[in-house]
Amino acid sequence: FSGVLARDVLLALLELQDELAGTAAWAAGTGRNVTLRDVCYAPLNPAAPGVGDCAVSSVTQYFQNNRTRLELSAWQQDGKQQGTVDWHDHLIYCVNSPLSFKDITALELSCMAEYGGP
């Protein structure tokens, strides 16, 4: 993987998303600060959405916007083949099976987004 799918780019994207999620802007018409929670689409928690409930489309959602999950690796032996699996393997699996609650690698990570949807 290279370019926009390089590990360092994905980690930088996570940092940027966290910064944007914490941003507030003054809305003079309402007399208060407005945040992502005020304007996001939160299909699974529309009444009282938290930032994690917002349906944000990003490749990092395959890791639930979690740096620790993106950095995971595990030893896997599948028949005669053995080796280390990491974010590359999880991403490939999720692109092919985006509705999976657990990938078939030793990581056993969900492909579902942080907000609970695909």
PDB file of N, CA and C in Angstrom:
ATOM      1  N   PHE A   1       0.842  -1.175   0.000  1.00  0.00           N
ATOM      2  CA  PHE A   1       0.000   0.000   0.000  1.00  0.00           C
ATOM      3  C   PHE A   1       0.888   1.240   0.000  1.00  0.00           C
ATOM      4  N   SER A   2       0.448   2.242  -0.713  1.00  0.00           N
ATOM      5  CA  SER A   2       1.198   3.500  -0.742  1.00  0.00           C
ATOM      6  C   SER A   2       0.212   4.640  -0.967  1.00  0.00           C
ATOM      7  N   GLY A   3       0.745   5.839  -1.070  1.00  0.00           N
ATOM      8  CA  GLY A   3      -0.119   6.993  -1.318  1.00  0.00           C
ATOM      9  C   GLY A   3      -1.073   7.240  -0.173  1.00  0.00           C
ATOM     10  N   VAL A   4      -2.342   7.441  -0.487  1.00  0.00           N
ATOM     11  CA  VAL A   4      -3.331   7.767   0.547  1.00  0.00           C
ATOM     12  C   VAL A   4      -3.636   6.591   1.460  1.00  0.00           C
ATOM     13  N   LEU A   5      -3.228   5.385   1.075  1.00  0.00           N
ATOM     14  CA  LEU A   5      -3.450   4.228   1.938  1.00  0.00           C
ATOM     15  C   LEU A   5      -2.196   3.813   2.694  1.00  0.00           C
ATOM     16  N   ALA A   6      -1.226   4.688   2.807  1.00  0.00           N
ATOM     17  CA  ALA A   6      -0.042   4.411   3.615  1.00  0.00           C
ATOM     18  C   ALA A   6      -0.404   4.578   5.088  1.00  0.00           C
ATOM     19  N   ARG A   7       0.223   3.799   5.946  1.00  0.00           N
ATOM     20  CA  ARG A   7      -0.079   3.811   7.374  1.00  0.00           C
ATOM     21  C   ARG A   7       0.066   5.213   7.972  1.00  0.00           C
ATOM     22  N   ASP A   8       1.135   5.913   7.654  1.00  0.00           N
ATOM     23  CA  ASP A   8       1.341   7.241   8.228  1.00  0.00           C
ATOM     24  C   ASP A   8       0.272   8.230   7.772  1.00  0.00           C
ATOM     25  N   VAL A   9      -0.241   8.065   6.570  1.00  0.00           N
ATOM     26  CA  VAL A   9      -1.321   8.935   6.070  1.00  0.00           C
ATOM     27  C   VAL A   9      -2.613   8.634   6.825  1.00  0.00           C
ATOM     28  N   LEU A  10      -2.897   7.356   7.059  1.00  0.00           N
ATOM     29  CA  LEU A  10      -4.102   6.989   7.806  1.00  0.00           C
ATOM     30  C   LEU A  10      -4.029   7.496   9.248  1.00  0.00           C
ATOM     31  N   LEU A  11      -2.860   7.422   9.856  1.00  0.00           N
ATOM     32  CA  LEU A  11      -2.707   7.944  11.220  1.00  0.00           C
ATOM     33  C   LEU A  11      -2.882   9.455  11.250  1.00  0.00           C
ATOM     34  N   ALA A  12      -2.359  10.149  10.245  1.00  0.00           N
ATOM     35  CA  ALA A  12      -2.541  11.606  10.157  1.00  0.00           C
ATOM     36  C   ALA A  12      -4.020  11.939   9.938  1.00  0.00           C
ATOM     37  N   LEU A  13      -4.702  11.133   9.149  1.00  0.00           N
ATOM     38  CA  LEU A  13      -6.132  11.329   8.914  1.00  0.00           C
ATOM     39  C   LEU A  13      -6.914  11.177  10.216  1.00  0.00           C
ATOM     40  N   LEU A  14      -6.549  10.196  11.027  1.00  0.00           N
ATOM     41  CA  LEU A  14      -7.208  10.029  12.326  1.00  0.00           C
ATOM     42  C   LEU A  14      -7.019  11.270  13.202  1.00  0.00           C
ATOM     43  N   GLU A  15      -5.820  11.805  13.219  1.00  0.00           N
ATOM     44  CA  GLU A  15      -5.557  13.013  14.007  1.00  0.00           C
ATOM     45  C   GLU A  15      -6.385  14.192  13.506  1.00  0.00           C
ATOM     46  N   LEU A  16      -6.442  14.354  12.182  1.00  0.00           N
ATOM     47  CA  LEU A  16      -7.226  15.442  11.596  1.00  0.00           C
ATOM     48  C   LEU A  16      -8.709  15.279  11.928  1.00  0.00           C
ATOM     49  N   GLN A  17      -9.219  14.070  11.808  1.00  0.00           N
ATOM     50  CA  GLN A  17     -10.630  13.822  12.120  1.00  0.00           C
ATOM     51  C   GLN A  17     -10.931  14.128  13.579  1.00  0.00           C
ATOM     52  N   ASP A  18     -10.026  13.747  14.488  1.00  0.00           N
ATOM     53  CA  ASP A  18     -10.225  14.057  15.909  1.00  0.00           C
ATOM     54  C   ASP A  18     -10.254  15.561  16.147  1.00  0.00           C
ATOM     55  N   GLU A  19      -9.353  16.268  15.474  1.00  0.00           N
ATOM     56  CA  GLU A  19      -9.312  17.723  15.619  1.00  0.00           C
ATOM     57  C   GLU A  19     -10.596  18.357  15.088  1.00  0.00           C
ATOM     58  N   LEU A  20     -11.055  17.907  13.930  1.00  0.00           N
ATOM     59  CA  LEU A  20     -12.284  18.457  13.358  1.00  0.00           C
ATOM     60  C   LEU A  20     -13.501  18.112  14.208  1.00  0.00           C
ATOM     61  N   ALA A  21     -13.522  16.913  14.784  1.00  0.00           N
ATOM     62  CA  ALA A  21     -14.650  16.509  15.630  1.00  0.00           C
ATOM     63  C   ALA A  21     -14.761  17.377  16.878  1.00  0.00           C
ATOM     64  N   GLY A  22     -13.636  17.917  17.325  1.00  0.00           N
ATOM     65  CA  GLY A  22     -13.643  18.769  18.509  1.00  0.00           C
ATOM     66  C   GLY A  22     -13.799  20.249  18.218  1.00  0.00           C
ATOM     67  N   THR A  23     -13.976  20.606  16.959  1.00  0.00           N
ATOM     68  CA  THR A  23     -14.085  22.005  16.558  1.00  0.00           C
ATOM     69  C   THR A  23     -15.464  22.563  16.879  1.00  0.00           C
ATOM     70  N   ALA A  24     -15.478  23.804  17.317  1.00  0.00           N
ATOM     71  CA  ALA A  24     -16.733  24.518  17.569  1.00  0.00           C
ATOM     72  C   ALA A  24     -16.684  25.836  16.809  1.00  0.00           C
ATOM     73  N   ALA A  25     -17.835  26.285  16.353  1.00  0.00           N
ATOM     74  CA  ALA A  25     -17.939  27.559  15.636  1.00  0.00           C
ATOM     75  C   ALA A  25     -19.090  28.368  16.234  1.00  0.00           C
ATOM     76  N   TRP A  26     -18.853  29.637  16.394  1.00  0.00           N
ATOM     77  CA  TRP A  26     -19.887  30.517  16.939  1.00  0.00           C
ATOM     78  C   TRP A  26     -20.972  30.741  15.902  1.00  0.00           C
ATOM     79  N   ALA A  27     -22.207  30.492  16.291  1.00  0.00           N
ATOM     80  CA  ALA A  27     -23.358  30.728  15.421  1.00  0.00           C
ATOM     81  C   ALA A  27     -24.141  31.902  16.000  1.00  0.00           C
ATOM     82  N   ALA A  28     -23.948  33.053  15.397  1.00  0.00           N
ATOM     83  CA  ALA A  28     -24.562  34.277  15.926  1.00  0.00           C
ATOM     84  C   ALA A  28     -26.084  34.172  15.990  1.00  0.00           C
ATOM     85  N   GLY A  29     -26.674  33.493  15.012  1.00  0.00           N
ATOM     86  CA  GLY A  29     -28.133  33.377  14.982  1.00  0.00           C
ATOM     87  C   GLY A  29     -28.702  32.609  16.162  1.00  0.00           C
ATOM     88  N   THR A  30     -27.935  31.683  16.690  1.00  0.00           N
ATOM     89  CA  THR A  30     -28.409  30.892  17.834  1.00  0.00           C
ATOM     90  C   THR A  30     -27.810  31.382  19.150  1.00  0.00           C
ATOM     91  N   GLY A  31     -26.776  32.211  19.052  1.00  0.00           N
ATOM     92  CA  GLY A  31     -26.148  32.732  20.254  1.00  0.00           C
ATOM     93  C   GLY A  31     -25.329  31.693  21.011  1.00  0.00           C
ATOM     94  N   ARG A  32     -24.807  30.706  20.306  1.00  0.00           N
ATOM     95  CA  ARG A  32     -24.014  29.668  20.976  1.00  0.00           C
ATOM     96  C   ARG A  32     -23.035  29.031  19.993  1.00  0.00           C
ATOM     97  N   ASN A  33     -22.129  28.263  20.544  1.00  0.00           N
ATOM     98  CA  ASN A  33     -21.209  27.507  19.707  1.00  0.00           C
ATOM     99  C   ASN A  33     -21.916  26.291  19.118  1.00  0.00           C
ATOM    100  N   VAL A  34     -21.590  25.983  17.885  1.00  0.00           N
ATOM    101  CA  VAL A  34     -22.147  24.815  17.208  1.00  0.00           C
ATOM    102  C   VAL A  34     -21.006  23.832  16.984  1.00  0.00           C
ATOM    103  N   THR A  35     -21.288  22.567  17.229  1.00  0.00           N
ATOM    104  CA  THR A  35     -20.279  21.518  17.065  1.00  0.00           C
ATOM    105  C   THR A  35     -20.775  20.474  16.070  1.00  0.00           C
ATOM    106  N   LEU A  36     -19.930  19.516  15.798  1.00  0.00           N
ATOM    107  CA  LEU A  36     -20.304  18.427  14.893  1.00  0.00           C
ATOM    108  C   LEU A  36     -21.578  17.720  15.363  1.00  0.00           C
ATOM    109  N   ARG A  37     -21.717  17.543  16.649  1.00  0.00           N
ATOM    110  CA  ARG A  37     -22.913  16.873  17.186  1.00  0.00           C
ATOM    111  C   ARG A  37     -24.201  17.593  16.810  1.00  0.00           C
ATOM    112  N   ASP A  38     -24.125  18.908  16.613  1.00  0.00           N
ATOM    113  CA  ASP A  38     -25.316  19.694  16.270  1.00  0.00           C
ATOM    114  C   ASP A  38     -25.736  19.525  14.820  1.00  0.00           C
ATOM    115  N   VAL A  39     -24.807  19.151  13.958  1.00  0.00           N
ATOM    116  CA  VAL A  39     -25.111  19.117  12.527  1.00  0.00           C
ATOM    117  C   VAL A  39     -24.926  17.738  11.887  1.00  0.00           C
ATOM    118  N   CYS A  40     -24.489  16.766  12.641  1.00  0.00           N
ATOM    119  CA  CYS A  40     -24.183  15.462  12.036  1.00  0.00           C
ATOM    120  C   CYS A  40     -25.431  14.614  11.814  1.00  0.00           C
ATOM    121  N   TYR A  41     -25.289  13.673  10.916  1.00  0.00           N
ATOM    122  CA  TYR A  41     -26.311  12.659  10.676  1.00  0.00           C
ATOM    123  C   TYR A  41     -25.966  11.470  11.560  1.00  0.00           C
ATOM    124  N   ALA A  42     -26.818  11.169  12.518  1.00  0.00           N
ATOM    125  CA  ALA A  42     -26.589  10.083  13.467  1.00  0.00           C
ATOM    126  C   ALA A  42     -27.778   9.120  13.403  1.00  0.00           C
ATOM    127  N   PRO A  43     -27.796   8.213  12.423  1.00  0.00           N
ATOM    128  CA  PRO A  43     -28.962   7.366  12.206  1.00  0.00           C
ATOM    129  C   PRO A  43     -29.297   6.423  13.349  1.00  0.00           C
ATOM    130  N   LEU A  44     -28.321   6.040  14.153  1.00  0.00           N
ATOM    131  CA  LEU A  44     -28.595   5.086  15.226  1.00  0.00           C
ATOM    132  C   LEU A  44     -28.804   5.743  16.581  1.00  0.00           C
ATOM    133  N   ASN A  45     -28.602   7.047  16.655  1.00  0.00           N
ATOM    134  CA  ASN A  45     -28.837   7.792  17.889  1.00  0.00           C
ATOM    135  C   ASN A  45     -29.195   9.242  17.554  1.00  0.00           C
ATOM    136  N   PRO A  46     -30.313   9.459  16.858  1.00  0.00           N
ATOM    137  CA  PRO A  46     -30.640  10.822  16.415  1.00  0.00           C
ATOM    138  C   PRO A  46     -31.053  11.768  17.543  1.00  0.00           C
ATOM    139  N   ALA A  47     -31.555  11.248  18.661  1.00  0.00           N
ATOM    140  CA  ALA A  47     -32.058  12.113  19.723  1.00  0.00           C
ATOM    141  C   ALA A  47     -30.938  12.816  20.491  1.00  0.00           C
ATOM    142  N   ALA A  48     -29.860  12.119  20.768  1.00  0.00           N
ATOM    143  CA  ALA A  48     -28.769  12.699  21.558  1.00  0.00           C
ATOM    144  C   ALA A  48     -27.428  12.186  21.046  1.00  0.00           C
ATOM    145  N   PRO A  49     -27.046  12.596  19.845  1.00  0.00           N
ATOM    146  CA  PRO A  49     -25.822  12.045  19.264  1.00  0.00           C
ATOM    147  C   PRO A  49     -24.549  12.547  19.939  1.00  0.00           C
ATOM    148  N   GLY A  50     -23.613  11.626  20.119  1.00  0.00           N
ATOM    149  CA  GLY A  50     -22.255  11.988  20.497  1.00  0.00           C
ATOM    150  C   GLY A  50     -21.441  12.039  19.216  1.00  0.00           C
ATOM    151  N   VAL A  51     -20.211  12.495  19.286  1.00  0.00           N
ATOM    152  CA  VAL A  51     -19.383  12.581  18.090  1.00  0.00           C
ATOM    153  C   VAL A  51     -19.223  11.200  17.451  1.00  0.00           C
ATOM    154  N   GLY A  52     -19.088  10.156  18.254  1.00  0.00           N
ATOM    155  CA  GLY A  52     -18.940   8.797  17.735  1.00  0.00           C
ATOM    156  C   GLY A  52     -20.185   8.255  17.062  1.00  0.00           C
ATOM    157  N   ASP A  53     -21.321   8.909  17.261  1.00  0.00           N
ATOM    158  CA  ASP A  53     -22.577   8.481  16.633  1.00  0.00           C
ATOM    159  C   ASP A  53     -22.756   9.060  15.232  1.00  0.00           C
ATOM    160  N   CYS A  54     -21.935  10.020  14.865  1.00  0.00           N
ATOM    161  CA  CYS A  54     -22.061  10.679  13.563  1.00  0.00           C
ATOM    162  C   CYS A  54     -21.599   9.753  12.446  1.00  0.00           C
ATOM    163  N   ALA A  55     -22.368   9.674  11.388  1.00  0.00           N
ATOM    164  CA  ALA A  55     -22.046   8.814  10.246  1.00  0.00           C
ATOM    165  C   ALA A  55     -21.021   9.527   9.366  1.00  0.00           C
ATOM    166  N   VAL A  56     -19.768   9.372   9.712  1.00  0.00           N
ATOM    167  CA  VAL A  56     -18.670   9.980   8.968  1.00  0.00           C
ATOM    168  C   VAL A  56     -18.089   8.927   8.042  1.00  0.00           C
ATOM    169  N   SER A  57     -18.075   9.199   6.758  1.00  0.00           N
ATOM    170  CA  SER A  57     -17.526   8.250   5.783  1.00  0.00           C
ATOM    171  C   SER A  57     -16.023   8.465   5.662  1.00  0.00           C
ATOM    172  N   SER A  58     -15.270   7.460   6.077  1.00  0.00           N
ATOM    173  CA  SER A  58     -13.813   7.529   6.037  1.00  0.00           C
ATOM    174  C   SER A  58     -13.258   6.111   6.075  1.00  0.00           C
ATOM    175  N   VAL A  59     -12.129   5.901   5.421  1.00  0.00           N
ATOM    176  CA  VAL A  59     -11.488   4.593   5.442  1.00  0.00           C
ATOM    177  C   VAL A  59     -11.118   4.203   6.873  1.00  0.00           C
ATOM    178  N   THR A  60     -10.891   5.175   7.737  1.00  0.00           N
ATOM    179  CA  THR A  60     -10.549   4.865   9.126  1.00  0.00           C
ATOM    180  C   THR A  60     -11.720   4.275   9.908  1.00  0.00           C
ATOM    181  N   GLN A  61     -12.922   4.375   9.363  1.00  0.00           N
ATOM    182  CA  GLN A  61     -14.082   3.757  10.021  1.00  0.00           C
ATOM    183  C   GLN A  61     -13.961   2.233  10.056  1.00  0.00           C
ATOM    184  N   TYR A  62     -13.196   1.643   9.137  1.00  0.00           N
ATOM    185  CA  TYR A  62     -12.966   0.198   9.191  1.00  0.00           C
ATOM    186  C   TYR A  62     -12.215  -0.195  10.455  1.00  0.00           C
ATOM    187  N   PHE A  63     -11.653   0.801  11.159  1.00  0.00           N
ATOM    188  CA  PHE A  63     -10.946   0.587  12.416  1.00  0.00           C
ATOM    189  C   PHE A  63     -11.662   1.331  13.549  1.00  0.00           C
ATOM    190  N   GLN A  64     -12.911   1.697  13.333  1.00  0.00           N
ATOM    191  CA  GLN A  64     -13.747   2.428  14.271  1.00  0.00           C
ATOM    192  C   GLN A  64     -13.059   3.719  14.733  1.00  0.00           C
ATOM    193  N   ASN A  65     -12.302   4.336  13.819  1.00  0.00           N
ATOM    194  CA  ASN A  65     -11.571   5.579  14.106  1.00  0.00           C
ATOM    195  C   ASN A  65     -10.684   5.436  15.339  1.00  0.00           C
ATOM    196  N   ASN A  66     -10.100   4.258  15.504  1.00  0.00           N
ATOM    197  CA  ASN A  66      -9.319   3.947  16.687  1.00  0.00           C
ATOM    198  C   ASN A  66      -7.877   3.659  16.294  1.00  0.00           C
ATOM    199  N   ARG A  67      -6.961   4.480  16.767  1.00  0.00           N
ATOM    200  CA  ARG A  67      -5.534   4.347  16.440  1.00  0.00           C
ATOM    201  C   ARG A  67      -4.977   2.994  16.888  1.00  0.00           C
ATOM    202  N   THR A  68      -5.375   2.541  18.066  1.00  0.00           N
ATOM    203  CA  THR A  68      -4.882   1.263  18.592  1.00  0.00           C
ATOM    204  C   THR A  68      -5.261   0.115  17.668  1.00  0.00           C
ATOM    205  N   ARG A  69      -6.473   0.124  17.164  1.00  0.00           N
ATOM    206  CA  ARG A  69      -6.905  -0.939  16.244  1.00  0.00           C
ATOM    207  C   ARG A  69      -6.147  -0.864  14.925  1.00  0.00           C
ATOM    208  N   LEU A  70      -5.872   0.332  14.456  1.00  0.00           N
ATOM    209  CA  LEU A  70      -5.114   0.506  13.216  1.00  0.00           C
ATOM    210  C   LEU A  70      -3.682  -0.014  13.363  1.00  0.00           C
ATOM    211  N   GLU A  71      -3.128   0.082  14.539  1.00  0.00           N
ATOM    212  CA  GLU A  71      -1.747  -0.338  14.772  1.00  0.00           C
ATOM    213  C   GLU A  71      -1.607  -1.796  15.203  1.00  0.00           C
ATOM    214  N   LEU A  72      -2.696  -2.524  15.354  1.00  0.00           N
ATOM    215  CA  LEU A  72      -2.635  -3.923  15.782  1.00  0.00           C
ATOM    216  C   LEU A  72      -1.954  -4.807  14.743  1.00  0.00           C
ATOM    217  N   SER A  73      -1.320  -5.848  15.239  1.00  0.00           N
ATOM    218  CA  SER A  73      -0.822  -6.926  14.382  1.00  0.00           C
ATOM    219  C   SER A  73      -0.967  -8.212  15.187  1.00  0.00           C
ATOM    220  N   ALA A  74      -1.026  -9.331  14.502  1.00  0.00           N
ATOM    221  CA  ALA A  74      -1.190 -10.619  15.172  1.00  0.00           C
ATOM    222  C   ALA A  74      -0.550 -11.719  14.337  1.00  0.00           C
ATOM    223  N   TRP A  75      -0.115 -12.754  15.008  1.00  0.00           N
ATOM    224  CA  TRP A  75       0.437 -13.924  14.339  1.00  0.00           C
ATOM    225  C   TRP A  75      -0.727 -14.798  13.903  1.00  0.00           C
ATOM    226  N   GLN A  76      -0.668 -15.268  12.684  1.00  0.00           N
ATOM    227  CA  GLN A  76      -1.753 -16.113  12.157  1.00  0.00           C
ATOM    228  C   GLN A  76      -1.163 -17.289  11.404  1.00  0.00           C
ATOM    229  N   GLN A  77      -1.729 -18.456  11.669  1.00  0.00           N
ATOM    230  CA  GLN A  77      -1.361 -19.648  10.910  1.00  0.00           C
ATOM    231  C   GLN A  77      -2.624 -20.213  10.310  1.00  0.00           C
ATOM    232  N   ASP A  78      -2.630 -20.319   8.997  1.00  0.00           N
ATOM    233  CA  ASP A  78      -3.789 -20.803   8.261  1.00  0.00           C
ATOM    234  C   ASP A  78      -3.320 -21.966   7.390  1.00  0.00           C
ATOM    235  N   GLY A  79      -3.486 -23.175   7.905  1.00  0.00           N
ATOM    236  CA  GLY A  79      -2.972 -24.327   7.168  1.00  0.00           C
ATOM    237  C   GLY A  79      -1.456 -24.290   7.166  1.00  0.00           C
ATOM    238  N   LYS A  80      -0.858 -24.346   5.997  1.00  0.00           N
ATOM    239  CA  LYS A  80       0.602 -24.307   5.886  1.00  0.00           C
ATOM    240  C   LYS A  80       1.140 -22.881   5.902  1.00  0.00           C
ATOM    241  N   GLN A  81       0.292 -21.921   5.598  1.00  0.00           N
ATOM    242  CA  GLN A  81       0.737 -20.529   5.555  1.00  0.00           C
ATOM    243  C   GLN A  81       0.702 -19.925   6.955  1.00  0.00           C
ATOM    244  N   GLN A  82       1.756 -19.193   7.280  1.00  0.00           N
ATOM    245  CA  GLN A  82       1.802 -18.502   8.562  1.00  0.00           C
ATOM    246  C   GLN A  82       2.487 -17.163   8.378  1.00  0.00           C
ATOM    247  N   GLY A  83       2.158 -16.252   9.261  1.00  0.00           N
ATOM    248  CA  GLY A  83       2.751 -14.924   9.172  1.00  0.00           C
ATOM    249  C   GLY A  83       1.997 -13.924  10.014  1.00  0.00           C
ATOM    250  N   THR A  84       2.416 -12.689   9.915  1.00  0.00           N
ATOM    251  CA  THR A  84       1.806 -11.610  10.677  1.00  0.00           C
ATOM    252  C   THR A  84       0.721 -10.945   9.844  1.00  0.00           C
ATOM    253  N   VAL A  85      -0.412 -10.698  10.463  1.00  0.00           N
ATOM    254  CA  VAL A  85      -1.488  -9.944   9.811  1.00  0.00           C
ATOM    255  C   VAL A  85      -1.579  -8.585  10.499  1.00  0.00           C
ATOM    256  N   ASP A  86      -1.970  -7.579   9.744  1.00  0.00           N
ATOM    257  CA  ASP A  86      -2.080  -6.235  10.294  1.00  0.00           C
ATOM    258  C   ASP A  86      -3.180  -5.477   9.581  1.00  0.00           C
ATOM    259  N   TRP A  87      -3.095  -4.136   9.631  1.00  0.00           N
ATOM    260  CA  TRP A  87      -4.148  -3.294   9.076  1.00  0.00           C
ATOM    261  C   TRP A  87      -4.366  -3.544   7.593  1.00  0.00           C
ATOM    262  N   HIS A  88      -3.323  -3.905   6.854  1.00  0.00           N
ATOM    263  CA  HIS A  88      -3.468  -4.193   5.420  1.00  0.00           C
ATOM    264  C   HIS A  88      -4.497  -5.305   5.198  1.00  0.00           C
ATOM    265  N   ASP A  89      -4.325  -6.399   5.958  1.00  0.00           N
ATOM    266  CA  ASP A  89      -5.203  -7.563   5.811  1.00  0.00           C
ATOM    267  C   ASP A  89      -6.637  -7.233   6.219  1.00  0.00           C
ATOM    268  N   HIS A  90      -6.767  -6.477   7.304  1.00  0.00           N
ATOM    269  CA  HIS A  90      -8.101  -6.085   7.761  1.00  0.00           C
ATOM    270  C   HIS A  90      -8.794  -5.194   6.726  1.00  0.00           C
ATOM    271  N   LEU A  91      -8.066  -4.236   6.186  1.00  0.00           N
ATOM    272  CA  LEU A  91      -8.638  -3.325   5.191  1.00  0.00           C
ATOM    273  C   LEU A  91      -9.083  -4.082   3.942  1.00  0.00           C
ATOM    274  N   ILE A  92      -8.250  -4.971   3.448  1.00  0.00           N
ATOM    275  CA  ILE A  92      -8.616  -5.766   2.266  1.00  0.00           C
ATOM    276  C   ILE A  92      -9.873  -6.581   2.542  1.00  0.00           C
ATOM    277  N   TYR A  93      -9.941  -7.188   3.723  1.00  0.00           N
ATOM    278  CA  TYR A  93     -11.120  -7.972   4.081  1.00  0.00           C
ATOM    279  C   TYR A  93     -12.371  -7.091   4.104  1.00  0.00           C
ATOM    280  N   CYS A  94     -12.267  -5.936   4.744  1.00  0.00           N
ATOM    281  CA  CYS A  94     -13.434  -5.064   4.897  1.00  0.00           C
ATOM    282  C   CYS A  94     -13.911  -4.466   3.581  1.00  0.00           C
ATOM    283  N   VAL A  95     -12.997  -4.166   2.692  1.00  0.00           N
ATOM    284  CA  VAL A  95     -13.399  -3.644   1.381  1.00  0.00           C
ATOM    285  C   VAL A  95     -14.252  -4.679   0.653  1.00  0.00           C
ATOM    286  N   ASN A  96     -13.946  -5.940   0.860  1.00  0.00           N
ATOM    287  CA  ASN A  96     -14.697  -7.018   0.220  1.00  0.00           C
ATOM    288  C   ASN A  96     -15.924  -7.458   1.013  1.00  0.00           C
ATOM    289  N   SER A  97     -15.936  -7.215   2.327  1.00  0.00           N
ATOM    290  CA  SER A  97     -17.054  -7.625   3.190  1.00  0.00           C
ATOM    291  C   SER A  97     -17.367  -6.521   4.203  1.00  0.00           C
ATOM    292  N   PRO A  98     -17.854  -5.375   3.746  1.00  0.00           N
ATOM    293  CA  PRO A  98     -18.022  -4.221   4.642  1.00  0.00           C
ATOM    294  C   PRO A  98     -19.063  -4.403   5.751  1.00  0.00           C
ATOM    295  N   LEU A  99     -19.922  -5.401   5.646  1.00  0.00           N
ATOM    296  CA  LEU A  99     -20.951  -5.603   6.673  1.00  0.00           C
ATOM    297  C   LEU A  99     -20.533  -6.611   7.736  1.00  0.00           C
ATOM    298  N   SER A 100     -19.280  -7.025   7.733  1.00  0.00           N
ATOM    299  CA  SER A 100     -18.801  -8.038   8.664  1.00  0.00           C
ATOM    300  C   SER A 100     -18.591  -7.471  10.064  1.00  0.00           C
ATOM    301  N   PHE A 101     -19.032  -8.242  11.058  1.00  0.00           N
ATOM    302  CA  PHE A 101     -18.812  -7.839  12.441  1.00  0.00           C
ATOM    303  C   PHE A 101     -17.487  -8.368  12.984  1.00  0.00           C
ATOM    304  N   LYS A 102     -16.835  -9.280  12.231  1.00  0.00           N
ATOM    305  CA  LYS A 102     -15.534  -9.794  12.641  1.00  0.00           C
ATOM    306  C   LYS A 102     -14.816 -10.324  11.414  1.00  0.00           C
ATOM    307  N   ASP A 103     -13.613  -9.798  11.153  1.00  0.00           N
ATOM    308  CA  ASP A 103     -12.886 -10.281   9.985  1.00  0.00           C
ATOM    309  C   ASP A 103     -12.354 -11.693  10.237  1.00  0.00           C
ATOM    310  N   ILE A 104     -11.845 -12.332   9.196  1.00  0.00           N
ATOM    311  CA  ILE A 104     -11.384 -13.711   9.329  1.00  0.00           C
ATOM    312  C   ILE A 104      -9.896 -13.805   9.631  1.00  0.00           C
ATOM    313  N   THR A 105      -9.257 -12.681   9.918  1.00  0.00           N
ATOM    314  CA  THR A 105      -7.857 -12.702  10.305  1.00  0.00           C
ATOM    315  C   THR A 105      -7.757 -12.954  11.811  1.00  0.00           C
ATOM    316  N   ALA A 106      -6.549 -13.152  12.284  1.00  0.00           N
ATOM    317  CA  ALA A 106      -6.321 -13.326  13.720  1.00  0.00           C
ATOM    318  C   ALA A 106      -6.630 -12.053  14.505  1.00  0.00           C
ATOM    319  N   LEU A 107      -6.756 -10.926  13.828  1.00  0.00           N
ATOM    320  CA  LEU A 107      -7.112  -9.671  14.493  1.00  0.00           C
ATOM    321  C   LEU A 107      -8.552  -9.705  15.003  1.00  0.00           C
ATOM    322  N   GLU A 108      -9.431 -10.343  14.239  1.00  0.00           N
ATOM    323  CA  GLU A 108     -10.857 -10.464  14.574  1.00  0.00           C
ATOM    324  C   GLU A 108     -11.510  -9.108  14.846  1.00  0.00           C
ATOM    325  N   LEU A 109     -11.200  -8.136  13.997  1.00  0.00           N
ATOM    326  CA  LEU A 109     -11.785  -6.801  14.131  1.00  0.00           C
ATOM    327  C   LEU A 109     -13.069  -6.687  13.328  1.00  0.00           C
ATOM    328  N   SER A 110     -13.950  -5.808  13.758  1.00  0.00           N
ATOM    329  CA  SER A 110     -15.178  -5.520  13.030  1.00  0.00           C
ATOM    330  C   SER A 110     -14.893  -4.578  11.871  1.00  0.00           C
ATOM    331  N   CYS A 111     -15.686  -4.707  10.830  1.00  0.00           N
ATOM    332  CA  CYS A 111     -15.612  -3.783   9.700  1.00  0.00           C
ATOM    333  C   CYS A 111     -16.624  -2.646   9.862  1.00  0.00           C
ATOM    334  N   MET A 112     -17.498  -2.764  10.838  1.00  0.00           N
ATOM    335  CA  MET A 112     -18.525  -1.762  11.033  1.00  0.00           C
ATOM    336  C   MET A 112     -17.914  -0.464  11.565  1.00  0.00           C
ATOM    337  N   ALA A 113     -18.510   0.649  11.203  1.00  0.00           N
ATOM    338  CA  ALA A 113     -18.013   1.965  11.591  1.00  0.00           C
ATOM    339  C   ALA A 113     -18.241   2.222  13.083  1.00  0.00           C
ATOM    340  N   GLU A 114     -17.588   3.225  13.585  1.00  0.00           N
ATOM    341  CA  GLU A 114     -17.720   3.617  14.994  1.00  0.00           C
ATOM    342  C   GLU A 114     -19.185   3.865  15.365  1.00  0.00           C
ATOM    343  N   TYR A 115     -19.948   4.452  14.470  1.00  0.00           N
ATOM    344  CA  TYR A 115     -21.352   4.764  14.760  1.00  0.00           C
ATOM    345  C   TYR A 115     -22.262   3.548  14.684  1.00  0.00           C
ATOM    346  N   GLY A 116     -21.731   2.398  14.244  1.00  0.00           N
ATOM    347  CA  GLY A 116     -22.505   1.154  14.233  1.00  0.00           C
ATOM    348  C   GLY A 116     -22.990   0.716  12.866  1.00  0.00           C
ATOM    349  N   GLY A 117     -22.847   1.553  11.862  1.00  0.00           N
ATOM    350  CA  GLY A 117     -23.288   1.199  10.516  1.00  0.00           C
ATOM    351  C   GLY A 117     -22.132   0.752   9.652  1.00  0.00           C
ATOM    352  N   PRO A 118     -22.447   0.396   8.400  1.00  0.00           N
ATOM    353  CA  PRO A 118     -21.379  -0.062   7.495  1.00  0.00           C
ATOM    354  C   PRO A 118     -20.544   1.095   6.957  1.00  0.00           C
TER     355      PRO A 118
END
